[in-house]
Amino acid sequence: MNMRTVLDSKKLAALGTVNEDLDARYGKIGIRERDEFDAKAKAWYMAECLRDARKASGMTQQQLADRIGKKRTCISLIERGQTDMQLSAFIQISEAVGLNFSLVYA
């Protein structure tokens, strides 16, 4: 059986962009609420990258914590985005799981 999805052009035309949705929810870029949202989103993304790299390396949260001198609960909080990690912790974790980050001046 051949199943095709038929897209309704009127519905597609009515869809907004992600930026339009974020503008409506949090305000335009440069407004405090939007800047806070963007910062939290970036922090969440970085935590996801660290967690995925830890898992790919075959390391448990406890092994990572032992390796960098932190508690497992600290690693868990970071990976769930429930704490604002310090830059030093970010660097320690990224190096421990084999990630290399660099800053790019834009």
Protein backbone atom coordinates (compact mmCIF):
# COMPACT_ATOMS: atom_id res chain seq x y z
CA MET A 1 0.00 0.00 0.00
CA ASN A 2 1.42 3.37 -1.02
CA MET A 3 0.65 6.07 1.53
CA ARG A 4 1.36 9.70 0.73
CA THR A 5 0.88 12.65 2.97
CA VAL A 6 -1.07 15.40 1.33
CA LEU A 7 -0.10 18.81 2.63
CA ASP A 8 -2.73 21.50 2.83
CA SER A 9 -1.21 24.64 1.30
CA LYS A 10 -3.59 26.90 3.26
CA LYS A 11 -2.51 25.36 6.55
CA LEU A 12 1.15 25.59 5.56
CA ALA A 13 0.76 29.25 4.64
CA ALA A 14 -0.77 29.95 8.06
CA LEU A 15 2.21 28.46 9.91
CA GLY A 16 4.62 30.97 11.38
CA THR A 17 8.35 30.63 11.78
CA VAL A 18 10.09 29.59 14.98
CA ASN A 19 11.38 33.13 15.40
CA GLU A 20 7.85 34.52 15.06
CA ASP A 21 6.67 32.12 17.75
CA LEU A 22 9.56 33.06 20.05
CA ASP A 23 8.91 36.76 19.43
CA ALA A 24 5.28 36.27 20.45
CA ARG A 25 6.13 34.24 23.55
CA TYR A 26 9.24 36.01 24.85
CA GLY A 27 9.54 39.24 22.91
CA LYS A 28 12.01 40.29 20.26
CA ILE A 29 15.75 39.65 20.51
CA GLY A 30 17.23 42.18 22.92
CA ILE A 31 14.29 42.13 25.35
CA ARG A 32 15.20 40.70 28.77
CA GLU A 33 12.71 37.80 28.64
CA ARG A 34 13.90 36.73 25.19
CA ASP A 35 17.57 37.02 26.19
CA GLU A 36 16.89 34.87 29.28
CA PHE A 37 15.10 32.27 27.15
CA ASP A 38 17.95 32.22 24.62
CA ALA A 39 20.55 31.80 27.40
CA LYS A 40 18.61 28.90 28.95
CA ALA A 41 18.16 27.27 25.55
CA LYS A 42 21.89 27.47 24.84
CA ALA A 43 22.72 26.09 28.30
CA TRP A 44 20.29 23.20 27.75
CA TYR A 45 21.87 22.46 24.37
CA MET A 46 25.39 22.44 25.80
CA ALA A 47 24.28 20.15 28.64
CA GLU A 48 22.76 17.77 26.07
CA CYS A 49 26.05 17.75 24.14
CA LEU A 50 27.99 16.91 27.30
CA ARG A 51 25.54 14.15 28.28
CA ASP A 52 25.59 12.62 24.80
CA ALA A 53 29.40 12.70 24.73
CA ARG A 54 29.57 11.10 28.19
CA LYS A 55 27.27 8.31 27.10
CA ALA A 56 29.16 7.84 23.82
CA SER A 57 32.38 7.46 25.80
CA GLY A 58 30.76 4.69 27.86
CA MET A 59 31.23 6.64 31.07
CA THR A 60 28.65 6.70 33.86
CA GLN A 61 27.79 9.86 35.72
CA GLN A 62 29.67 8.48 38.73
CA GLN A 63 32.78 7.72 36.69
CA LEU A 64 32.73 11.22 35.22
CA ALA A 65 32.22 12.76 38.64
CA ASP A 66 35.14 10.78 40.07
CA ARG A 67 37.33 11.78 37.15
CA ILE A 68 36.76 15.53 37.61
CA GLY A 69 36.39 15.61 41.40
CA LYS A 70 32.68 16.40 41.55
CA LYS A 71 29.69 14.60 43.03
CA ARG A 72 27.47 12.48 40.81
CA THR A 73 24.50 14.64 41.81
CA CYS A 74 26.33 17.64 40.37
CA ILE A 75 26.73 15.87 37.03
CA SER A 76 23.07 14.87 37.09
CA LEU A 77 21.93 18.43 37.78
CA ILE A 78 24.11 19.75 34.95
CA GLU A 79 22.85 17.16 32.48
CA ARG A 80 19.21 17.92 33.37
CA GLY A 81 19.79 21.65 33.05
CA GLN A 82 18.85 22.24 36.67
CA THR A 83 21.95 24.18 37.61
CA ASP A 84 23.99 26.93 36.07
CA MET A 85 27.41 25.36 35.69
CA GLN A 86 30.59 27.35 35.96
CA LEU A 87 32.83 27.66 32.93
CA SER A 88 35.54 25.70 34.73
CA ALA A 89 33.15 22.76 35.25
CA PHE A 90 32.09 22.92 31.61
CA ILE A 91 35.72 22.73 30.48
CA GLN A 92 36.53 19.89 32.90
CA ILE A 93 33.55 17.84 31.79
CA SER A 94 34.07 18.46 28.09
CA GLU A 95 37.73 17.45 28.29
CA ALA A 96 36.90 14.37 30.38
CA VAL A 97 34.44 13.11 27.75
CA GLY A 98 36.72 13.92 24.83
CA LEU A 99 35.16 17.13 23.51
CA ASN A 100 37.13 20.13 22.33
CA PHE A 101 35.45 23.51 22.29
CA SER A 102 36.76 26.77 21.01
CA LEU A 103 35.46 30.28 21.04
CA VAL A 104 34.91 31.96 17.74
CA TYR A 105 34.83 35.71 17.52
CA ALA A 106 31.95 36.67 15.26
